[in-house]
Amino acid sequence: MHNVTNVDLTSYASSKAATDHLVRLLAAKFGRFYVRVTGINPGFVPSKMNPVGEAGNMFSSLFDQVPAKRAANEEDIASGILYLSSRAGAYVDGVSLCIDGGRILVANGQQ
């Protein structure tokens, strides 16, 4: 599996899929104890793996392709966590919330 940067992301993508599956399994296991399990799937977020704004970032050309036209920031991710942990997200269980500025809509060159 390669993206437009031609970097092999097979192990990265499979680990992300595994965490989505783990969220569903844990939600099923702990639901009887009234414990909700949810996950967060962030898109482009500044990190050591993705140094947003630094020279040589192989993903920098992808930021303009994201419908939000930017990388996420702490507030974007924190807002999702607040939603899931608040009364508004009380009926959400066993899913991972995708906070990616719409990147999933244009992933793998589909536009």
PDB file of N, CA and C in Angstrom:
ATOM      1  N   MET A   1       0.857  -1.173   0.000  1.00  0.00           N
ATOM      2  CA  MET A   1       0.000   0.000   0.000  1.00  0.00           C
ATOM      3  C   MET A   1       0.899   1.231   0.000  1.00  0.00           C
ATOM      4  N   HIS A   2       0.716   2.088  -0.959  1.00  0.00           N
ATOM      5  CA  HIS A   2       1.489   3.318  -1.062  1.00  0.00           C
ATOM      6  C   HIS A   2       0.531   4.491  -1.196  1.00  0.00           C
ATOM      7  N   ASN A   3       0.967   5.635  -0.736  1.00  0.00           N
ATOM      8  CA  ASN A   3       0.175   6.836  -0.942  1.00  0.00           C
ATOM      9  C   ASN A   3       0.874   7.690  -1.988  1.00  0.00           C
ATOM     10  N   VAL A   4       0.430   8.905  -2.160  1.00  0.00           N
ATOM     11  CA  VAL A   4       0.999   9.738  -3.221  1.00  0.00           C
ATOM     12  C   VAL A   4       2.452  10.121  -2.961  1.00  0.00           C
ATOM     13  N   THR A   5       2.938   9.919  -1.744  1.00  0.00           N
ATOM     14  CA  THR A   5       4.346  10.182  -1.463  1.00  0.00           C
ATOM     15  C   THR A   5       5.202   8.960  -1.774  1.00  0.00           C
ATOM     16  N   ASN A   6       4.572   7.865  -2.184  1.00  0.00           N
ATOM     17  CA  ASN A   6       5.228   6.607  -2.530  1.00  0.00           C
ATOM     18  C   ASN A   6       5.978   6.004  -1.338  1.00  0.00           C
ATOM     19  N   VAL A   7       5.444   6.196  -0.150  1.00  0.00           N
ATOM     20  CA  VAL A   7       5.993   5.606   1.060  1.00  0.00           C
ATOM     21  C   VAL A   7       5.141   4.390   1.410  1.00  0.00           C
ATOM     22  N   ASP A   8       5.794   3.267   1.710  1.00  0.00           N
ATOM     23  CA  ASP A   8       5.057   2.061   2.064  1.00  0.00           C
ATOM     24  C   ASP A   8       4.436   2.237   3.446  1.00  0.00           C
ATOM     25  N   LEU A   9       3.127   2.255   3.495  1.00  0.00           N
ATOM     26  CA  LEU A   9       2.401   2.456   4.749  1.00  0.00           C
ATOM     27  C   LEU A   9       1.631   1.215   5.176  1.00  0.00           C
ATOM     28  N   THR A  10       2.012   0.055   4.685  1.00  0.00           N
ATOM     29  CA  THR A  10       1.272  -1.166   4.968  1.00  0.00           C
ATOM     30  C   THR A  10       1.181  -1.438   6.459  1.00  0.00           C
ATOM     31  N   SER A  11       2.297  -1.442   7.158  1.00  0.00           N
ATOM     32  CA  SER A  11       2.266  -1.748   8.589  1.00  0.00           C
ATOM     33  C   SER A  11       1.536  -0.652   9.364  1.00  0.00           C
ATOM     34  N   TYR A  12       1.714   0.603   8.967  1.00  0.00           N
ATOM     35  CA  TYR A  12       1.028   1.710   9.637  1.00  0.00           C
ATOM     36  C   TYR A  12      -0.484   1.589   9.453  1.00  0.00           C
ATOM     37  N   ALA A  13      -0.918   1.335   8.233  1.00  0.00           N
ATOM     38  CA  ALA A  13      -2.350   1.235   7.950  1.00  0.00           C
ATOM     39  C   ALA A  13      -2.974   0.027   8.651  1.00  0.00           C
ATOM     40  N   SER A  14      -2.271  -1.080   8.686  1.00  0.00           N
ATOM     41  CA  SER A  14      -2.832  -2.264   9.337  1.00  0.00           C
ATOM     42  C   SER A  14      -2.911  -2.068  10.849  1.00  0.00           C
ATOM     43  N   SER A  15      -1.976  -1.333  11.435  1.00  0.00           N
ATOM     44  CA  SER A  15      -2.062  -1.070  12.874  1.00  0.00           C
ATOM     45  C   SER A  15      -3.232  -0.136  13.183  1.00  0.00           C
ATOM     46  N   LYS A  16      -3.513   0.810  12.294  1.00  0.00           N
ATOM     47  CA  LYS A  16      -4.676   1.686  12.487  1.00  0.00           C
ATOM     48  C   LYS A  16      -5.973   0.876  12.414  1.00  0.00           C
ATOM     49  N   ALA A  17      -6.045  -0.055  11.461  1.00  0.00           N
ATOM     50  CA  ALA A  17      -7.226  -0.907  11.341  1.00  0.00           C
ATOM     51  C   ALA A  17      -7.374  -1.791  12.574  1.00  0.00           C
ATOM     52  N   ALA A  18      -6.254  -2.257  13.104  1.00  0.00           N
ATOM     53  CA  ALA A  18      -6.291  -3.094  14.305  1.00  0.00           C
ATOM     54  C   ALA A  18      -6.834  -2.326  15.504  1.00  0.00           C
ATOM     55  N   THR A  19      -6.465  -1.053  15.628  1.00  0.00           N
ATOM     56  CA  THR A  19      -6.985  -0.280  16.754  1.00  0.00           C
ATOM     57  C   THR A  19      -8.491  -0.041  16.613  1.00  0.00           C
ATOM     58  N   ASP A  20      -8.969   0.152  15.387  1.00  0.00           N
ATOM     59  CA  ASP A  20     -10.416   0.289  15.169  1.00  0.00           C
ATOM     60  C   ASP A  20     -11.133  -0.986  15.605  1.00  0.00           C
ATOM     61  N   HIS A  21     -10.569  -2.120  15.250  1.00  0.00           N
ATOM     62  CA  HIS A  21     -11.168  -3.402  15.617  1.00  0.00           C
ATOM     63  C   HIS A  21     -11.111  -3.605  17.136  1.00  0.00           C
ATOM     64  N   LEU A  22     -10.005  -3.218  17.745  1.00  0.00           N
ATOM     65  CA  LEU A  22      -9.876  -3.341  19.192  1.00  0.00           C
ATOM     66  C   LEU A  22     -10.926  -2.505  19.914  1.00  0.00           C
ATOM     67  N   VAL A  23     -11.205  -1.323  19.425  1.00  0.00           N
ATOM     68  CA  VAL A  23     -12.253  -0.481  20.017  1.00  0.00           C
ATOM     69  C   VAL A  23     -13.583  -1.221  20.006  1.00  0.00           C
ATOM     70  N   ARG A  24     -13.925  -1.842  18.875  1.00  0.00           N
ATOM     71  CA  ARG A  24     -15.192  -2.583  18.793  1.00  0.00           C
ATOM     72  C   ARG A  24     -15.214  -3.784  19.738  1.00  0.00           C
ATOM     73  N   LEU A  25     -14.111  -4.519  19.803  1.00  0.00           N
ATOM     74  CA  LEU A  25     -14.040  -5.680  20.696  1.00  0.00           C
ATOM     75  C   LEU A  25     -14.167  -5.272  22.164  1.00  0.00           C
ATOM     76  N   LEU A  26     -13.455  -4.220  22.549  1.00  0.00           N
ATOM     77  CA  LEU A  26     -13.521  -3.770  23.943  1.00  0.00           C
ATOM     78  C   LEU A  26     -14.888  -3.217  24.294  1.00  0.00           C
ATOM     79  N   ALA A  27     -15.514  -2.526  23.350  1.00  0.00           N
ATOM     80  CA  ALA A  27     -16.870  -2.016  23.595  1.00  0.00           C
ATOM     81  C   ALA A  27     -17.839  -3.169  23.827  1.00  0.00           C
ATOM     82  N   ALA A  28     -17.720  -4.230  23.032  1.00  0.00           N
ATOM     83  CA  ALA A  28     -18.587  -5.398  23.203  1.00  0.00           C
ATOM     84  C   ALA A  28     -18.307  -6.084  24.540  1.00  0.00           C
ATOM     85  N   LYS A  29     -17.041  -6.163  24.912  1.00  0.00           N
ATOM     86  CA  LYS A  29     -16.663  -6.842  26.155  1.00  0.00           C
ATOM     87  C   LYS A  29     -17.107  -6.083  27.397  1.00  0.00           C
ATOM     88  N   PHE A  30     -16.960  -4.761  27.404  1.00  0.00           N
ATOM     89  CA  PHE A  30     -17.222  -3.989  28.608  1.00  0.00           C
ATOM     90  C   PHE A  30     -18.592  -3.317  28.633  1.00  0.00           C
ATOM     91  N   GLY A  31     -19.383  -3.476  27.586  1.00  0.00           N
ATOM     92  CA  GLY A  31     -20.707  -2.876  27.552  1.00  0.00           C
ATOM     93  C   GLY A  31     -21.597  -3.324  28.689  1.00  0.00           C
ATOM     94  N   ARG A  32     -21.470  -4.570  29.097  1.00  0.00           N
ATOM     95  CA  ARG A  32     -22.317  -5.082  30.192  1.00  0.00           C
ATOM     96  C   ARG A  32     -21.996  -4.405  31.526  1.00  0.00           C
ATOM     97  N   PHE A  33     -20.831  -3.771  31.607  1.00  0.00           N
ATOM     98  CA  PHE A  33     -20.446  -3.036  32.813  1.00  0.00           C
ATOM     99  C   PHE A  33     -20.730  -1.539  32.667  1.00  0.00           C
ATOM    100  N   TYR A  34     -21.463  -1.165  31.626  1.00  0.00           N
ATOM    101  CA  TYR A  34     -21.810   0.231  31.337  1.00  0.00           C
ATOM    102  C   TYR A  34     -20.571   1.078  31.076  1.00  0.00           C
ATOM    103  N   VAL A  35     -19.577   0.477  30.465  1.00  0.00           N
ATOM    104  CA  VAL A  35     -18.364   1.186  30.078  1.00  0.00           C
ATOM    105  C   VAL A  35     -18.387   1.368  28.564  1.00  0.00           C
ATOM    106  N   ARG A  36     -18.302   2.610  28.124  1.00  0.00           N
ATOM    107  CA  ARG A  36     -18.246   2.888  26.692  1.00  0.00           C
ATOM    108  C   ARG A  36     -16.795   2.931  26.252  1.00  0.00           C
ATOM    109  N   VAL A  37     -16.532   2.415  25.058  1.00  0.00           N
ATOM    110  CA  VAL A  37     -15.182   2.455  24.491  1.00  0.00           C
ATOM    111  C   VAL A  37     -15.266   3.123  23.127  1.00  0.00           C
ATOM    112  N   THR A  38     -14.487   4.172  22.951  1.00  0.00           N
ATOM    113  CA  THR A  38     -14.427   4.876  21.670  1.00  0.00           C
ATOM    114  C   THR A  38     -12.966   5.159  21.344  1.00  0.00           C
ATOM    115  N   GLY A  39     -12.725   5.502  20.108  1.00  0.00           N
ATOM    116  CA  GLY A  39     -11.369   5.831  19.683  1.00  0.00           C
ATOM    117  C   GLY A  39     -11.347   7.128  18.898  1.00  0.00           C
ATOM    118  N   ILE A  40     -10.157   7.631  18.693  1.00  0.00           N
ATOM    119  CA  ILE A  40      -9.949   8.841  17.890  1.00  0.00           C
ATOM    120  C   ILE A  40      -8.996   8.477  16.756  1.00  0.00           C
ATOM    121  N   ASN A  41      -9.384   8.759  15.530  1.00  0.00           N
ATOM    122  CA  ASN A  41      -8.511   8.578  14.365  1.00  0.00           C
ATOM    123  C   ASN A  41      -8.160   9.970  13.826  1.00  0.00           C
ATOM    124  N   PRO A  42      -7.018  10.502  14.266  1.00  0.00           N
ATOM    125  CA  PRO A  42      -6.643  11.837  13.799  1.00  0.00           C
ATOM    126  C   PRO A  42      -6.071  11.801  12.391  1.00  0.00           C
ATOM    127  N   GLY A  43      -6.229  12.881  11.686  1.00  0.00           N
ATOM    128  CA  GLY A  43      -5.602  13.025  10.375  1.00  0.00           C
ATOM    129  C   GLY A  43      -4.211  13.591  10.544  1.00  0.00           C
ATOM    130  N   PHE A  44      -3.850  14.549   9.710  1.00  0.00           N
ATOM    131  CA  PHE A  44      -2.545  15.183   9.823  1.00  0.00           C
ATOM    132  C   PHE A  44      -2.495  16.040  11.084  1.00  0.00           C
ATOM    133  N   VAL A  45      -1.631  15.676  12.001  1.00  0.00           N
ATOM    134  CA  VAL A  45      -1.434  16.398  13.254  1.00  0.00           C
ATOM    135  C   VAL A  45       0.067  16.620  13.417  1.00  0.00           C
ATOM    136  N   PRO A  46       0.484  17.804  13.822  1.00  0.00           N
ATOM    137  CA  PRO A  46       1.918  18.009  14.021  1.00  0.00           C
ATOM    138  C   PRO A  46       2.489  17.001  15.023  1.00  0.00           C
ATOM    139  N   SER A  47       3.581  16.354  14.625  1.00  0.00           N
ATOM    140  CA  SER A  47       4.234  15.360  15.481  1.00  0.00           C
ATOM    141  C   SER A  47       5.649  15.137  14.954  1.00  0.00           C
ATOM    142  N   LYS A  48       6.406  14.294  15.633  1.00  0.00           N
ATOM    143  CA  LYS A  48       7.737  13.959  15.138  1.00  0.00           C
ATOM    144  C   LYS A  48       7.642  13.225  13.801  1.00  0.00           C
ATOM    145  N   MET A  49       6.595  12.420  13.636  1.00  0.00           N
ATOM    146  CA  MET A  49       6.406  11.697  12.382  1.00  0.00           C
ATOM    147  C   MET A  49       5.943  12.627  11.266  1.00  0.00           C
ATOM    148  N   ASN A  50       5.258  13.689  11.629  1.00  0.00           N
ATOM    149  CA  ASN A  50       4.700  14.621  10.663  1.00  0.00           C
ATOM    150  C   ASN A  50       5.007  16.054  11.111  1.00  0.00           C
ATOM    151  N   PRO A  51       6.235  16.523  10.872  1.00  0.00           N
ATOM    152  CA  PRO A  51       6.623  17.870  11.324  1.00  0.00           C
ATOM    153  C   PRO A  51       5.997  18.959  10.445  1.00  0.00           C
ATOM    154  N   VAL A  52       4.762  19.293  10.732  1.00  0.00           N
ATOM    155  CA  VAL A  52       4.014  20.274   9.953  1.00  0.00           C
ATOM    156  C   VAL A  52       4.758  21.605   9.932  1.00  0.00           C
ATOM    157  N   GLY A  53       4.923  22.165   8.738  1.00  0.00           N
ATOM    158  CA  GLY A  53       5.551  23.467   8.576  1.00  0.00           C
ATOM    159  C   GLY A  53       7.065  23.433   8.469  1.00  0.00           C
ATOM    160  N   GLU A  54       7.669  22.284   8.656  1.00  0.00           N
ATOM    161  CA  GLU A  54       9.130  22.190   8.560  1.00  0.00           C
ATOM    162  C   GLU A  54       9.541  21.772   7.153  1.00  0.00           C
ATOM    163  N   ALA A  55      10.706  22.228   6.736  1.00  0.00           N
ATOM    164  CA  ALA A  55      11.225  21.871   5.416  1.00  0.00           C
ATOM    165  C   ALA A  55      11.483  20.373   5.350  1.00  0.00           C
ATOM    166  N   GLY A  56      11.202  19.794   4.204  1.00  0.00           N
ATOM    167  CA  GLY A  56      11.457  18.383   4.000  1.00  0.00           C
ATOM    168  C   GLY A  56      10.326  17.462   4.442  1.00  0.00           C
ATOM    169  N   ASN A  57       9.209  18.006   4.899  1.00  0.00           N
ATOM    170  CA  ASN A  57       8.079  17.162   5.291  1.00  0.00           C
ATOM    171  C   ASN A  57       7.470  16.562   4.033  1.00  0.00           C
ATOM    172  N   MET A  58       7.549  15.240   3.914  1.00  0.00           N
ATOM    173  CA  MET A  58       7.078  14.575   2.693  1.00  0.00           C
ATOM    174  C   MET A  58       5.566  14.634   2.528  1.00  0.00           C
ATOM    175  N   PHE A  59       4.835  15.022   3.577  1.00  0.00           N
ATOM    176  CA  PHE A  59       3.387  15.104   3.491  1.00  0.00           C
ATOM    177  C   PHE A  59       2.891  16.520   3.205  1.00  0.00           C
ATOM    178  N   SER A  60       3.789  17.501   3.163  1.00  0.00           N
ATOM    179  CA  SER A  60       3.356  18.896   3.054  1.00  0.00           C
ATOM    180  C   SER A  60       2.507  19.167   1.817  1.00  0.00           C
ATOM    181  N   SER A  61       2.765  18.471   0.721  1.00  0.00           N
ATOM    182  CA  SER A  61       1.968  18.690  -0.489  1.00  0.00           C
ATOM    183  C   SER A  61       0.540  18.170  -0.337  1.00  0.00           C
ATOM    184  N   LEU A  62       0.307  17.327   0.659  1.00  0.00           N
ATOM    185  CA  LEU A  62      -1.028  16.760   0.852  1.00  0.00           C
ATOM    186  C   LEU A  62      -1.950  17.680   1.645  1.00  0.00           C
ATOM    187  N   PHE A  63      -1.393  18.631   2.404  1.00  0.00           N
ATOM    188  CA  PHE A  63      -2.234  19.485   3.237  1.00  0.00           C
ATOM    189  C   PHE A  63      -3.253  20.260   2.413  1.00  0.00           C
ATOM    190  N   ASP A  64      -2.855  20.758   1.250  1.00  0.00           N
ATOM    191  CA  ASP A  64      -3.780  21.524   0.415  1.00  0.00           C
ATOM    192  C   ASP A  64      -4.863  20.645  -0.203  1.00  0.00           C
ATOM    193  N   GLN A  65      -4.656  19.338  -0.229  1.00  0.00           N
ATOM    194  CA  GLN A  65      -5.661  18.429  -0.780  1.00  0.00           C
ATOM    195  C   GLN A  65      -6.739  18.077   0.245  1.00  0.00           C
ATOM    196  N   VAL A  66      -6.448  18.305   1.514  1.00  0.00           N
ATOM    197  CA  VAL A  66      -7.437  18.063   2.563  1.00  0.00           C
ATOM    198  C   VAL A  66      -8.506  19.144   2.450  1.00  0.00           C
ATOM    199  N   PRO A  67      -9.796  18.780   2.463  1.00  0.00           N
ATOM    200  CA  PRO A  67     -10.835  19.798   2.354  1.00  0.00           C
ATOM    201  C   PRO A  67     -10.696  20.942   3.361  1.00  0.00           C
ATOM    202  N   ALA A  68     -10.183  20.673   4.557  1.00  0.00           N
ATOM    203  CA  ALA A  68      -9.999  21.736   5.551  1.00  0.00           C
ATOM    204  C   ALA A  68      -8.802  22.624   5.221  1.00  0.00           C
ATOM    205  N   LYS A  69      -7.958  22.214   4.274  1.00  0.00           N
ATOM    206  CA  LYS A  69      -6.795  22.985   3.807  1.00  0.00           C
ATOM    207  C   LYS A  69      -5.763  23.260   4.894  1.00  0.00           C
ATOM    208  N   ARG A  70      -5.668  22.391   5.911  1.00  0.00           N
ATOM    209  CA  ARG A  70      -4.688  22.568   6.976  1.00  0.00           C
ATOM    210  C   ARG A  70      -4.550  21.269   7.757  1.00  0.00           C
ATOM    211  N   ALA A  71      -3.512  21.212   8.547  1.00  0.00           N
ATOM    212  CA  ALA A  71      -3.347  20.107   9.482  1.00  0.00           C
ATOM    213  C   ALA A  71      -4.196  20.395  10.715  1.00  0.00           C
ATOM    214  N   ALA A  72      -4.479  19.356  11.487  1.00  0.00           N
ATOM    215  CA  ALA A  72      -5.246  19.533  12.718  1.00  0.00           C
ATOM    216  C   ALA A  72      -4.377  20.196  13.773  1.00  0.00           C
ATOM    217  N   ASN A  73      -5.031  20.729  14.792  1.00  0.00           N
ATOM    218  CA  ASN A  73      -4.304  21.269  15.938  1.00  0.00           C
ATOM    219  C   ASN A  73      -4.863  20.634  17.205  1.00  0.00           C
ATOM    220  N   GLU A  74      -4.309  21.013  18.341  1.00  0.00           N
ATOM    221  CA  GLU A  74      -4.729  20.399  19.605  1.00  0.00           C
ATOM    222  C   GLU A  74      -6.217  20.595  19.870  1.00  0.00           C
ATOM    223  N   GLU A  75      -6.730  21.769  19.522  1.00  0.00           N
ATOM    224  CA  GLU A  75      -8.137  22.057  19.781  1.00  0.00           C
ATOM    225  C   GLU A  75      -9.064  21.155  18.972  1.00  0.00           C
ATOM    226  N   ASP A  76      -8.665  20.819  17.747  1.00  0.00           N
ATOM    227  CA  ASP A  76      -9.483  19.934  16.920  1.00  0.00           C
ATOM    228  C   ASP A  76      -9.638  18.566  17.579  1.00  0.00           C
ATOM    229  N   ILE A  77      -8.520  18.024  18.053  1.00  0.00           N
ATOM    230  CA  ILE A  77      -8.551  16.704  18.681  1.00  0.00           C
ATOM    231  C   ILE A  77      -9.259  16.784  20.035  1.00  0.00           C
ATOM    232  N   ALA A  78      -8.956  17.812  20.813  1.00  0.00           N
ATOM    233  CA  ALA A  78      -9.583  17.979  22.128  1.00  0.00           C
ATOM    234  C   ALA A  78     -11.099  18.121  22.004  1.00  0.00           C
ATOM    235  N   SER A  79     -11.571  18.782  20.965  1.00  0.00           N
ATOM    236  CA  SER A  79     -13.019  18.935  20.770  1.00  0.00           C
ATOM    237  C   SER A  79     -13.692  17.585  20.557  1.00  0.00           C
ATOM    238  N   GLY A  80     -13.036  16.713  19.812  1.00  0.00           N
ATOM    239  CA  GLY A  80     -13.578  15.371  19.618  1.00  0.00           C
ATOM    240  C   GLY A  80     -13.628  14.582  20.916  1.00  0.00           C
ATOM    241  N   ILE A  81     -12.583  14.720  21.720  1.00  0.00           N
ATOM    242  CA  ILE A  81     -12.546  14.038  23.021  1.00  0.00           C
ATOM    243  C   ILE A  81     -13.630  14.578  23.941  1.00  0.00           C
ATOM    244  N   LEU A  82     -13.807  15.904  23.945  1.00  0.00           N
ATOM    245  CA  LEU A  82     -14.865  16.498  24.760  1.00  0.00           C
ATOM    246  C   LEU A  82     -16.239  16.007  24.322  1.00  0.00           C
ATOM    247  N   TYR A  83     -16.444  15.912  23.012  1.00  0.00           N
ATOM    248  CA  TYR A  83     -17.724  15.401  22.507  1.00  0.00           C
ATOM    249  C   TYR A  83     -17.967  13.979  23.004  1.00  0.00           C
ATOM    250  N   LEU A  84     -16.970  13.106  22.828  1.00  0.00           N
ATOM    251  CA  LEU A  84     -17.150  11.704  23.203  1.00  0.00           C
ATOM    252  C   LEU A  84     -17.331  11.520  24.705  1.00  0.00           C
ATOM    253  N   SER A  85     -16.732  12.381  25.507  1.00  0.00           N
ATOM    254  CA  SER A  85     -16.824  12.232  26.957  1.00  0.00           C
ATOM    255  C   SER A  85     -17.956  13.042  27.579  1.00  0.00           C
ATOM    256  N   SER A  86     -18.687  13.793  26.755  1.00  0.00           N
ATOM    257  CA  SER A  86     -19.772  14.630  27.277  1.00  0.00           C
ATOM    258  C   SER A  86     -21.124  13.943  27.106  1.00  0.00           C
ATOM    259  N   ARG A  87     -22.138  14.600  27.585  1.00  0.00           N
ATOM    260  CA  ARG A  87     -23.520  14.111  27.428  1.00  0.00           C
ATOM    261  C   ARG A  87     -23.880  13.974  25.946  1.00  0.00           C
ATOM    262  N   ALA A  88     -23.340  14.845  25.119  1.00  0.00           N
ATOM    263  CA  ALA A  88     -23.638  14.793  23.681  1.00  0.00           C
ATOM    264  C   ALA A  88     -23.179  13.478  23.054  1.00  0.00           C
ATOM    265  N   GLY A  89     -22.118  12.881  23.567  1.00  0.00           N
ATOM    266  CA  GLY A  89     -21.608  11.627  23.031  1.00  0.00           C
ATOM    267  C   GLY A  89     -21.982  10.413  23.859  1.00  0.00           C
ATOM    268  N   ALA A  90     -22.936  10.565  24.749  1.00  0.00           N
ATOM    269  CA  ALA A  90     -23.305   9.486  25.666  1.00  0.00           C
ATOM    270  C   ALA A  90     -23.862   8.248  24.965  1.00  0.00           C
ATOM    271  N   TYR A  91     -24.342   8.393  23.758  1.00  0.00           N
ATOM    272  CA  TYR A  91     -24.937   7.268  23.037  1.00  0.00           C
ATOM    273  C   TYR A  91     -23.981   6.712  21.991  1.00  0.00           C
ATOM    274  N   VAL A  92     -22.739   7.144  22.016  1.00  0.00           N
ATOM    275  CA  VAL A  92     -21.717   6.700  21.069  1.00  0.00           C
ATOM    276  C   VAL A  92     -20.879   5.623  21.752  1.00  0.00           C
ATOM    277  N   ASP A  93     -20.759   4.481  21.101  1.00  0.00           N
ATOM    278  CA  ASP A  93     -19.997   3.379  21.683  1.00  0.00           C
ATOM    279  C   ASP A  93     -19.479   2.467  20.573  1.00  0.00           C
ATOM    280  N   GLY A  94     -18.245   2.002  20.730  1.00  0.00           N
ATOM    281  CA  GLY A  94     -17.701   1.014  19.808  1.00  0.00           C
ATOM    282  C   GLY A  94     -17.263   1.552  18.461  1.00  0.00           C
ATOM    283  N   VAL A  95     -17.057   2.846  18.357  1.00  0.00           N
ATOM    284  CA  VAL A  95     -16.621   3.436  17.085  1.00  0.00           C
ATOM    285  C   VAL A  95     -15.409   4.330  17.318  1.00  0.00           C
ATOM    286  N   SER A  96     -14.696   4.594  16.252  1.00  0.00           N
ATOM    287  CA  SER A  96     -13.577   5.529  16.290  1.00  0.00           C
ATOM    288  C   SER A  96     -13.975   6.772  15.515  1.00  0.00           C
ATOM    289  N   LEU A  97     -13.840   7.905  16.147  1.00  0.00           N
ATOM    290  CA  LEU A  97     -14.195   9.184  15.539  1.00  0.00           C
ATOM    291  C   LEU A  97     -13.039   9.660  14.666  1.00  0.00           C
ATOM    292  N   CYS A  98     -13.324   9.871  13.404  1.00  0.00           N
ATOM    293  CA  CYS A  98     -12.312  10.316  12.441  1.00  0.00           C
ATOM    294  C   CYS A  98     -12.261  11.838  12.451  1.00  0.00           C
ATOM    295  N   ILE A  99     -11.137  12.382  12.916  1.00  0.00           N
ATOM    296  CA  ILE A  99     -10.950  13.835  12.971  1.00  0.00           C
ATOM    297  C   ILE A  99      -9.799  14.161  12.026  1.00  0.00           C
ATOM    298  N   ASP A 100     -10.138  14.309  10.749  1.00  0.00           N
ATOM    299  CA  ASP A 100      -9.082  14.449   9.738  1.00  0.00           C
ATOM    300  C   ASP A 100      -9.304  15.578   8.754  1.00  0.00           C
ATOM    301  N   GLY A 101     -10.223  16.474   9.032  1.00  0.00           N
ATOM    302  CA  GLY A 101     -10.462  17.607   8.144  1.00  0.00           C
ATOM    303  C   GLY A 101     -11.012  17.198   6.784  1.00  0.00           C
ATOM    304  N   GLY A 102     -11.528  15.990   6.684  1.00  0.00           N
ATOM    305  CA  GLY A 102     -12.083  15.489   5.417  1.00  0.00           C
ATOM    306  C   GLY A 102     -11.092  14.719   4.565  1.00  0.00           C
ATOM    307  N   ARG A 103      -9.900  14.452   5.079  1.00  0.00           N
ATOM    308  CA  ARG A 103      -8.884  13.762   4.285  1.00  0.00           C
ATOM    309  C   ARG A 103      -9.366  12.400   3.789  1.00  0.00           C
ATOM    310  N   ILE A 104     -10.125  11.695   4.601  1.00  0.00           N
ATOM    311  CA  ILE A 104     -10.595  10.361   4.202  1.00  0.00           C
ATOM    312  C   ILE A 104     -11.434  10.443   2.921  1.00  0.00           C
ATOM    313  N   LEU A 105     -12.019  11.600   2.670  1.00  0.00           N
ATOM    314  CA  LEU A 105     -12.861  11.767   1.479  1.00  0.00           C
ATOM    315  C   LEU A 105     -12.035  11.830   0.201  1.00  0.00           C
ATOM    316  N   VAL A 106     -10.761  12.200   0.308  1.00  0.00           N
ATOM    317  CA  VAL A 106      -9.904  12.337  -0.870  1.00  0.00           C
ATOM    318  C   VAL A 106      -8.677  11.431  -0.781  1.00  0.00           C
ATOM    319  N   ALA A 107      -8.728  10.431   0.088  1.00  0.00           N
ATOM    320  CA  ALA A 107      -7.585   9.524   0.273  1.00  0.00           C
ATOM    321  C   ALA A 107      -7.313   8.731  -0.999  1.00  0.00           C
ATOM    322  N   ASN A 108      -6.063   8.370  -1.176  1.00  0.00           N
ATOM    323  CA  ASN A 108      -5.619   7.533  -2.296  1.00  0.00           C
ATOM    324  C   ASN A 108      -5.913   8.152  -3.653  1.00  0.00           C
ATOM    325  N   GLY A 109      -5.849   9.481  -3.730  1.00  0.00           N
ATOM    326  CA  GLY A 109      -5.981  10.160  -5.002  1.00  0.00           C
ATOM    327  C   GLY A 109      -7.389  10.341  -5.510  1.00  0.00           C
ATOM    328  N   GLN A 110      -8.406   9.925  -4.753  1.00  0.00           N
ATOM    329  CA  GLN A 110      -9.791  10.101  -5.193  1.00  0.00           C
ATOM    330  C   GLN A 110     -10.234  11.520  -4.898  1.00  0.00           C
ATOM    331  N   GLN A 111     -10.718  12.213  -5.913  1.00  0.00           N
ATOM    332  CA  GLN A 111     -11.149  13.595  -5.698  1.00  0.00           C
ATOM    333  C   GLN A 111     -12.450  13.862  -6.362  1.00  0.00           C
TER     334      GLN A 111
END
